[in-house]
Every structure is written in C-alpha cells, then in structure tokens.
C-alpha cells in the first residue's frame, strides 16, 4: 500500500486524476485502509506472523533480514509468512456484527497506523520488534502502549 501511494497512477482520457496526497479526504481514506489492514493482522495473526507479513510483504525485507531482527531462522520466517498469507487469504473483511477491538488492541492498531501513515519505517520496524519480543516474553506490546 505504501508503494502504491508513492507511484503516480495513470489517468485515462475523460477521467479525473486521483486526489492529491495532501487532500484530507484522501488521507482519511488511506488511514482507514491501514487501520482495517492492520486490524485484520491483529485479529488473525500471531505477532511473528504479523512481523513476517509486514516486513516481507510491505517493507520488502528479505527473510534473512527479518530472521536477524527477530533472532530466529530464515525457515521460521518463511513458515510464519506462509501461515500469515494463508490466514489473511481465509479472512473475511470485518462484518457489522464482529466484536470491536478492545482498548489494548486499538492502541496497538493506532501505533501501527501512525507509523505507516508517516512512512516511518524505523518506527514501524521498532514496533514490530517490540510486538514480537514482548509476546515471546508472555506479554503483548499492546499492554505496554
């Protein structure tokens, strides 16, 4: 999604160009999209799966880089990424009757969304690392928010 935002989109004859990135309505739509995507990862993925998906698919890190960050093996990252892809593929968009995120999940979600929104890769990487590290220690990052 971040890569798509930075690329100019072609406009066919007779169509209006896409809204400018500084358009408040466009920024709100981008934030909502990020919130929905990250909410899906919070609900359906473990922290390691979430880390593998975000780092490999969004930030385009190699599995070896993710393994080094998380202190694990390339095989473990590859496995987590495969499980994450399968879980997301099987996930339906949030429905009206789905329970809302709790306060802790919402705080974590907002921290992820803010890092994405600001294109703050360093903060996003640190957030992912904290999320995985704290979940492995029996806690969750959300509780530290």
N, C-alpha and C. Protein backbone atom coordinates (compact mmCIF):
# COMPACT_ATOMS: atom_id res chain seq x y z
N UNK A 1 0.83 -1.18 0.00
CA UNK A 1 0.00 0.00 0.00
C UNK A 1 0.87 1.25 0.00
N UNK A 2 1.96 1.24 0.79
CA UNK A 2 2.84 2.39 0.82
C UNK A 2 3.49 2.62 -0.54
N UNK A 3 3.88 1.52 -1.19
CA UNK A 3 4.47 1.65 -2.52
C UNK A 3 3.46 2.21 -3.50
N UNK A 4 2.22 1.78 -3.44
CA UNK A 4 1.20 2.25 -4.37
C UNK A 4 0.94 3.74 -4.18
N UNK A 5 0.99 4.22 -2.96
CA UNK A 5 0.76 5.65 -2.70
C UNK A 5 1.82 6.51 -3.35
N UNK A 6 3.04 6.02 -3.45
CA UNK A 6 4.13 6.84 -3.96
C UNK A 6 4.20 6.83 -5.48
N UNK A 7 3.51 5.93 -6.14
CA UNK A 7 3.54 5.86 -7.60
C UNK A 7 2.42 6.69 -8.19
N UNK A 8 2.71 7.50 -9.21
CA UNK A 8 1.62 8.20 -9.88
C UNK A 8 0.77 7.20 -10.65
N UNK A 9 -0.52 7.35 -10.58
CA UNK A 9 -1.42 6.44 -11.25
C UNK A 9 -1.83 7.02 -12.60
N UNK A 10 -1.81 6.21 -13.67
CA UNK A 10 -2.20 6.72 -14.97
C UNK A 10 -3.69 7.10 -14.97
N UNK A 11 -3.99 8.12 -15.76
CA UNK A 11 -5.37 8.59 -15.85
C UNK A 11 -5.83 8.43 -17.29
N UNK A 12 -6.93 7.71 -17.49
CA UNK A 12 -7.48 7.51 -18.83
C UNK A 12 -8.18 8.78 -19.29
N UNK A 13 -8.30 8.92 -20.58
CA UNK A 13 -8.96 10.10 -21.15
C UNK A 13 -10.38 10.19 -20.61
N UNK A 14 -10.76 11.37 -20.21
CA UNK A 14 -12.11 11.60 -19.70
C UNK A 14 -12.26 11.33 -18.21
N UNK A 15 -11.22 10.77 -17.56
CA UNK A 15 -11.28 10.52 -16.13
C UNK A 15 -10.61 11.64 -15.37
N UNK A 16 -11.03 11.80 -14.14
CA UNK A 16 -10.39 12.81 -13.30
C UNK A 16 -9.19 12.17 -12.62
N UNK A 17 -8.13 12.96 -12.39
CA UNK A 17 -6.96 12.39 -11.70
C UNK A 17 -7.31 12.03 -10.27
N UNK A 18 -6.53 11.14 -9.71
CA UNK A 18 -6.72 10.74 -8.31
C UNK A 18 -6.49 11.95 -7.42
N UNK A 19 -7.15 12.00 -6.25
CA UNK A 19 -6.95 13.13 -5.34
C UNK A 19 -5.49 13.25 -4.91
N UNK A 20 -5.07 14.45 -4.67
CA UNK A 20 -3.70 14.70 -4.23
C UNK A 20 -3.49 14.06 -2.87
N UNK A 21 -2.23 13.68 -2.60
CA UNK A 21 -1.94 13.00 -1.34
C UNK A 21 -2.18 13.89 -0.13
N UNK A 22 -2.18 15.21 -0.32
CA UNK A 22 -2.42 16.10 0.81
C UNK A 22 -3.90 16.44 0.97
N UNK A 23 -4.73 15.82 0.15
CA UNK A 23 -6.17 16.00 0.24
C UNK A 23 -6.65 15.33 1.53
N UNK A 24 -7.32 16.07 2.43
CA UNK A 24 -7.75 15.48 3.71
C UNK A 24 -8.64 14.25 3.54
N UNK A 25 -9.49 14.26 2.53
CA UNK A 25 -10.36 13.08 2.31
C UNK A 25 -9.52 11.88 1.90
N UNK A 26 -8.51 12.10 1.06
CA UNK A 26 -7.64 11.00 0.63
C UNK A 26 -6.83 10.49 1.81
N UNK A 27 -6.31 11.39 2.62
CA UNK A 27 -5.53 10.97 3.80
C UNK A 27 -6.39 10.17 4.76
N UNK A 28 -7.64 10.59 4.95
CA UNK A 28 -8.55 9.85 5.83
C UNK A 28 -8.83 8.47 5.27
N UNK A 29 -9.01 8.37 3.96
CA UNK A 29 -9.27 7.07 3.33
C UNK A 29 -8.06 6.16 3.47
N UNK A 30 -6.85 6.70 3.29
CA UNK A 30 -5.64 5.91 3.45
C UNK A 30 -5.52 5.41 4.88
N UNK A 31 -5.76 6.29 5.84
CA UNK A 31 -5.66 5.90 7.25
C UNK A 31 -6.67 4.79 7.57
N UNK A 32 -7.88 4.91 7.07
CA UNK A 32 -8.90 3.89 7.32
C UNK A 32 -8.49 2.55 6.71
N UNK A 33 -7.92 2.59 5.51
CA UNK A 33 -7.45 1.37 4.86
C UNK A 33 -6.35 0.72 5.68
N UNK A 34 -5.41 1.52 6.17
CA UNK A 34 -4.33 0.99 7.00
C UNK A 34 -4.90 0.40 8.28
N UNK A 35 -5.84 1.10 8.90
CA UNK A 35 -6.45 0.60 10.13
C UNK A 35 -7.12 -0.75 9.91
N UNK A 36 -7.87 -0.89 8.82
CA UNK A 36 -8.55 -2.16 8.53
C UNK A 36 -7.55 -3.28 8.27
N UNK A 37 -6.50 -2.97 7.51
CA UNK A 37 -5.50 -4.00 7.21
C UNK A 37 -4.76 -4.44 8.47
N UNK A 38 -4.35 -3.49 9.29
CA UNK A 38 -3.62 -3.85 10.50
C UNK A 38 -4.56 -4.53 11.50
N UNK A 39 -5.81 -4.09 11.56
CA UNK A 39 -6.78 -4.75 12.44
C UNK A 39 -6.94 -6.22 12.07
N UNK A 40 -6.96 -6.50 10.78
CA UNK A 40 -7.06 -7.90 10.34
C UNK A 40 -5.84 -8.69 10.80
N UNK A 41 -4.65 -8.08 10.76
CA UNK A 41 -3.47 -8.80 11.22
C UNK A 41 -3.49 -9.00 12.72
N UNK A 42 -4.05 -8.03 13.46
CA UNK A 42 -4.14 -8.17 14.92
C UNK A 42 -5.07 -9.30 15.31
N UNK A 43 -6.17 -9.42 14.61
CA UNK A 43 -7.17 -10.43 14.95
C UNK A 43 -6.79 -11.83 14.52
N UNK A 44 -6.08 -11.95 13.41
CA UNK A 44 -5.91 -13.26 12.80
C UNK A 44 -4.48 -13.79 12.74
N UNK A 45 -3.50 -12.97 13.13
CA UNK A 45 -2.12 -13.41 13.05
C UNK A 45 -1.43 -13.31 14.40
N UNK A 46 -0.48 -14.20 14.61
CA UNK A 46 0.37 -14.09 15.78
C UNK A 46 1.34 -12.92 15.54
N UNK A 47 1.98 -12.43 16.59
CA UNK A 47 2.96 -11.35 16.37
C UNK A 47 4.07 -11.72 15.38
N UNK A 48 4.55 -12.95 15.42
CA UNK A 48 5.61 -13.35 14.47
C UNK A 48 5.07 -13.41 13.05
N UNK A 49 3.85 -13.90 12.87
CA UNK A 49 3.25 -13.91 11.53
C UNK A 49 3.05 -12.49 11.04
N UNK A 50 2.57 -11.63 11.92
CA UNK A 50 2.35 -10.22 11.58
C UNK A 50 3.67 -9.57 11.18
N UNK A 51 4.73 -9.84 11.94
CA UNK A 51 6.06 -9.28 11.63
C UNK A 51 6.54 -9.76 10.27
N UNK A 52 6.42 -11.05 10.02
CA UNK A 52 6.87 -11.60 8.74
C UNK A 52 6.09 -10.98 7.58
N UNK A 53 4.79 -10.87 7.73
CA UNK A 53 3.96 -10.32 6.66
C UNK A 53 4.28 -8.85 6.41
N UNK A 54 4.32 -8.05 7.46
CA UNK A 54 4.56 -6.62 7.30
C UNK A 54 5.97 -6.35 6.77
N UNK A 55 6.96 -7.02 7.34
CA UNK A 55 8.33 -6.76 6.92
C UNK A 55 8.62 -7.30 5.52
N UNK A 56 8.14 -8.49 5.21
CA UNK A 56 8.43 -9.09 3.90
C UNK A 56 7.52 -8.54 2.79
N UNK A 57 6.24 -8.44 3.05
CA UNK A 57 5.31 -8.05 2.00
C UNK A 57 5.15 -6.55 1.85
N UNK A 58 5.21 -5.82 2.94
CA UNK A 58 5.01 -4.37 2.86
C UNK A 58 6.33 -3.65 2.69
N UNK A 59 7.30 -3.97 3.55
CA UNK A 59 8.58 -3.27 3.50
C UNK A 59 9.59 -3.95 2.59
N UNK A 60 9.23 -5.13 2.06
CA UNK A 60 10.05 -5.87 1.09
C UNK A 60 11.42 -6.29 1.64
N UNK A 61 11.46 -6.64 2.94
CA UNK A 61 12.69 -7.17 3.52
C UNK A 61 12.87 -8.61 3.06
N UNK A 62 14.11 -9.06 3.02
CA UNK A 62 14.40 -10.46 2.75
C UNK A 62 14.16 -11.25 4.04
N UNK A 63 13.86 -12.53 3.88
CA UNK A 63 13.61 -13.38 5.05
C UNK A 63 14.83 -13.40 5.97
N UNK A 64 16.02 -13.33 5.42
CA UNK A 64 17.23 -13.33 6.25
C UNK A 64 17.30 -12.07 7.12
N UNK A 65 16.84 -10.93 6.59
CA UNK A 65 16.84 -9.69 7.37
C UNK A 65 15.82 -9.77 8.51
N UNK A 66 14.66 -10.34 8.21
CA UNK A 66 13.63 -10.49 9.24
C UNK A 66 14.12 -11.46 10.31
N UNK A 67 14.74 -12.54 9.89
CA UNK A 67 15.26 -13.53 10.84
C UNK A 67 16.29 -12.89 11.77
N UNK A 68 17.16 -12.05 11.22
CA UNK A 68 18.17 -11.38 12.05
C UNK A 68 17.50 -10.44 13.05
N UNK A 69 16.49 -9.70 12.62
CA UNK A 69 15.80 -8.78 13.52
C UNK A 69 15.11 -9.52 14.65
N UNK A 70 14.46 -10.63 14.32
CA UNK A 70 13.67 -11.36 15.31
C UNK A 70 14.47 -12.42 16.07
N UNK A 71 15.73 -12.62 15.69
CA UNK A 71 16.54 -13.62 16.37
C UNK A 71 16.05 -15.03 16.13
N UNK A 72 15.70 -15.32 14.88
CA UNK A 72 15.19 -16.63 14.53
C UNK A 72 15.84 -17.08 13.22
N UNK A 73 15.33 -18.15 12.65
CA UNK A 73 15.90 -18.69 11.41
C UNK A 73 15.10 -18.23 10.20
N UNK A 74 15.73 -18.32 9.05
CA UNK A 74 15.06 -18.00 7.79
C UNK A 74 13.87 -18.95 7.60
N UNK A 75 14.06 -20.22 7.94
CA UNK A 75 12.98 -21.20 7.79
C UNK A 75 11.77 -20.82 8.66
N UNK A 76 12.04 -20.33 9.87
CA UNK A 76 10.94 -19.91 10.75
C UNK A 76 10.20 -18.70 10.18
N UNK A 77 10.94 -17.77 9.61
CA UNK A 77 10.32 -16.59 9.00
C UNK A 77 9.49 -17.01 7.79
N UNK A 78 10.06 -17.86 6.95
CA UNK A 78 9.34 -18.34 5.77
C UNK A 78 8.06 -19.06 6.16
N UNK A 79 8.13 -19.88 7.18
CA UNK A 79 6.96 -20.60 7.66
C UNK A 79 5.90 -19.63 8.20
N UNK A 80 6.35 -18.65 9.00
CA UNK A 80 5.41 -17.65 9.55
C UNK A 80 4.76 -16.86 8.43
N UNK A 81 5.52 -16.53 7.41
CA UNK A 81 4.98 -15.78 6.27
C UNK A 81 3.95 -16.61 5.52
N UNK A 82 4.22 -17.88 5.30
CA UNK A 82 3.26 -18.76 4.62
C UNK A 82 1.97 -18.88 5.44
N UNK A 83 2.10 -19.05 6.75
CA UNK A 83 0.91 -19.16 7.60
C UNK A 83 0.14 -17.84 7.61
N UNK A 84 0.86 -16.72 7.62
CA UNK A 84 0.21 -15.40 7.61
C UNK A 84 -0.57 -15.20 6.32
N UNK A 85 0.04 -15.53 5.19
CA UNK A 85 -0.65 -15.38 3.90
C UNK A 85 -1.91 -16.24 3.87
N UNK A 86 -1.80 -17.46 4.36
CA UNK A 86 -2.96 -18.36 4.35
C UNK A 86 -4.07 -17.83 5.26
N UNK A 87 -3.68 -17.33 6.42
CA UNK A 87 -4.68 -16.81 7.36
C UNK A 87 -5.38 -15.57 6.80
N UNK A 88 -4.61 -14.68 6.17
CA UNK A 88 -5.20 -13.47 5.60
C UNK A 88 -6.10 -13.83 4.41
N UNK A 89 -5.67 -14.79 3.59
CA UNK A 89 -6.49 -15.21 2.45
C UNK A 89 -7.82 -15.80 2.90
N UNK A 90 -7.82 -16.46 4.05
CA UNK A 90 -9.04 -17.08 4.57
C UNK A 90 -9.90 -16.11 5.38
N UNK A 91 -9.40 -14.91 5.59
CA UNK A 91 -10.08 -13.94 6.43
C UNK A 91 -11.06 -13.11 5.62
N UNK A 92 -12.24 -12.95 6.16
CA UNK A 92 -13.23 -12.07 5.54
C UNK A 92 -13.07 -10.68 6.13
N UNK A 93 -13.49 -9.69 5.37
CA UNK A 93 -13.45 -8.33 5.87
C UNK A 93 -14.32 -8.24 7.12
N UNK A 94 -14.00 -7.31 8.01
CA UNK A 94 -14.81 -7.17 9.22
C UNK A 94 -16.28 -6.95 8.86
N UNK A 95 -17.13 -7.62 9.57
CA UNK A 95 -18.57 -7.50 9.34
C UNK A 95 -19.19 -6.67 10.45
N UNK A 96 -20.39 -6.24 10.21
CA UNK A 96 -21.11 -5.38 11.16
C UNK A 96 -21.20 -6.01 12.55
N UNK A 97 -21.38 -7.32 12.63
CA UNK A 97 -21.56 -7.98 13.92
C UNK A 97 -20.27 -8.38 14.62
N UNK A 98 -19.12 -8.15 13.99
CA UNK A 98 -17.85 -8.52 14.61
C UNK A 98 -17.63 -7.69 15.87
N UNK A 99 -17.08 -8.31 16.91
CA UNK A 99 -16.80 -7.53 18.12
C UNK A 99 -15.72 -6.48 17.83
N UNK A 100 -15.84 -5.31 18.43
CA UNK A 100 -14.82 -4.28 18.21
C UNK A 100 -13.52 -4.66 18.88
N UNK A 101 -12.46 -4.04 18.45
CA UNK A 101 -11.17 -4.25 19.11
C UNK A 101 -11.26 -3.72 20.52
N UNK A 102 -10.57 -4.37 21.45
CA UNK A 102 -10.55 -3.84 22.81
C UNK A 102 -9.58 -2.66 22.86
N UNK A 103 -9.52 -1.98 23.97
CA UNK A 103 -8.71 -0.78 24.12
C UNK A 103 -7.23 -1.05 23.85
N UNK A 104 -6.74 -2.16 24.34
CA UNK A 104 -5.33 -2.51 24.17
C UNK A 104 -5.03 -2.75 22.69
N UNK A 105 -5.90 -3.49 22.01
CA UNK A 105 -5.71 -3.75 20.58
C UNK A 105 -5.82 -2.45 19.78
N UNK A 106 -6.73 -1.59 20.17
CA UNK A 106 -6.92 -0.31 19.47
C UNK A 106 -5.67 0.57 19.59
N UNK A 107 -5.06 0.58 20.78
CA UNK A 107 -3.83 1.37 20.96
C UNK A 107 -2.72 0.84 20.05
N UNK A 108 -2.57 -0.46 20.02
CA UNK A 108 -1.55 -1.06 19.16
C UNK A 108 -1.86 -0.75 17.69
N UNK A 109 -3.10 -0.88 17.32
CA UNK A 109 -3.53 -0.58 15.97
C UNK A 109 -3.19 0.86 15.59
N UNK A 110 -3.46 1.79 16.46
CA UNK A 110 -3.17 3.20 16.19
C UNK A 110 -1.67 3.46 16.07
N UNK A 111 -0.87 2.76 16.86
CA UNK A 111 0.58 2.92 16.76
C UNK A 111 1.08 2.42 15.41
N UNK A 112 0.58 1.27 14.97
CA UNK A 112 0.94 0.77 13.64
C UNK A 112 0.48 1.76 12.56
N UNK A 113 -0.76 2.19 12.63
CA UNK A 113 -1.31 3.08 11.61
C UNK A 113 -0.52 4.39 11.53
N UNK A 114 -0.15 4.93 12.67
CA UNK A 114 0.62 6.18 12.68
C UNK A 114 1.98 5.98 12.03
N UNK A 115 2.63 4.88 12.31
CA UNK A 115 3.93 4.61 11.69
C UNK A 115 3.79 4.47 10.17
N UNK A 116 2.75 3.75 9.73
CA UNK A 116 2.51 3.61 8.29
C UNK A 116 2.18 4.96 7.67
N UNK A 117 1.29 5.69 8.30
CA UNK A 117 0.85 6.98 7.78
C UNK A 117 2.01 7.95 7.59
N UNK A 118 2.94 7.92 8.51
CA UNK A 118 4.08 8.84 8.46
C UNK A 118 5.24 8.28 7.64
N UNK A 119 5.03 7.09 7.06
CA UNK A 119 6.10 6.41 6.33
C UNK A 119 7.36 6.30 7.19
N UNK A 120 7.15 6.05 8.48
CA UNK A 120 8.25 5.97 9.44
C UNK A 120 8.69 4.50 9.56
N UNK A 121 9.55 4.11 8.64
CA UNK A 121 9.99 2.72 8.59
C UNK A 121 10.73 2.33 9.86
N UNK A 122 11.57 3.22 10.37
CA UNK A 122 12.31 2.91 11.59
C UNK A 122 11.35 2.64 12.75
N UNK A 123 10.33 3.47 12.90
CA UNK A 123 9.35 3.28 13.99
C UNK A 123 8.55 2.00 13.77
N UNK A 124 8.18 1.73 12.54
CA UNK A 124 7.43 0.51 12.23
C UNK A 124 8.25 -0.73 12.57
N UNK A 125 9.51 -0.73 12.18
CA UNK A 125 10.38 -1.86 12.47
C UNK A 125 10.54 -2.03 13.98
N UNK A 126 10.75 -0.92 14.69
CA UNK A 126 10.87 -0.99 16.15
C UNK A 126 9.58 -1.50 16.78
N UNK A 127 8.45 -1.07 16.28
CA UNK A 127 7.15 -1.50 16.80
C UNK A 127 6.96 -3.01 16.57
N UNK A 128 7.29 -3.47 15.38
CA UNK A 128 7.17 -4.90 15.08
C UNK A 128 8.10 -5.70 15.99
N UNK A 129 9.31 -5.23 16.16
CA UNK A 129 10.28 -5.93 17.02
C UNK A 129 9.77 -5.99 18.46
N UNK A 130 9.26 -4.88 18.98
CA UNK A 130 8.70 -4.86 20.34
C UNK A 130 7.52 -5.82 20.46
N UNK A 131 6.65 -5.81 19.46
CA UNK A 131 5.46 -6.65 19.46
C UNK A 131 5.86 -8.11 19.60
N UNK A 132 6.82 -8.54 18.78
CA UNK A 132 7.27 -9.94 18.82
C UNK A 132 8.02 -10.24 20.11
N UNK A 133 8.90 -9.35 20.50
CA UNK A 133 9.71 -9.59 21.71
C UNK A 133 8.83 -9.69 22.94
N UNK A 134 7.89 -8.79 23.09
CA UNK A 134 7.03 -8.81 24.28
C UNK A 134 6.06 -9.98 24.27
N UNK A 135 5.60 -10.38 23.08
CA UNK A 135 4.69 -11.53 23.03
C UNK A 135 5.43 -12.80 23.40
N UNK A 136 6.71 -12.88 23.05
CA UNK A 136 7.52 -14.04 23.39
C UNK A 136 7.84 -14.09 24.87
N UNK A 137 7.76 -12.93 25.54
CA UNK A 137 8.04 -12.87 26.97
C UNK A 137 6.79 -13.06 27.80
N UNK A 138 5.70 -13.44 27.11
CA UNK A 138 4.47 -13.69 27.84
C UNK A 138 3.54 -12.49 27.88
N UNK A 139 4.01 -11.35 27.41
CA UNK A 139 3.16 -10.16 27.37
C UNK A 139 2.87 -9.78 25.94
N UNK A 140 2.20 -8.65 25.77
CA UNK A 140 1.98 -8.13 24.43
C UNK A 140 2.37 -6.68 24.41
N UNK A 141 2.74 -6.23 23.26
CA UNK A 141 3.10 -4.84 23.11
C UNK A 141 1.93 -3.95 23.44
N UNK A 142 0.76 -4.40 23.10
CA UNK A 142 -0.43 -3.59 23.33
C UNK A 142 -0.54 -3.23 24.81
N UNK A 143 -0.16 -4.12 25.67
CA UNK A 143 -0.24 -3.83 27.08
C UNK A 143 0.76 -2.78 27.52
N UNK A 144 1.83 -2.60 26.74
CA UNK A 144 2.83 -1.61 27.08
C UNK A 144 2.51 -0.25 26.50
N UNK A 145 1.48 -0.19 25.67
CA UNK A 145 1.14 1.09 24.99
C UNK A 145 0.63 2.11 25.95
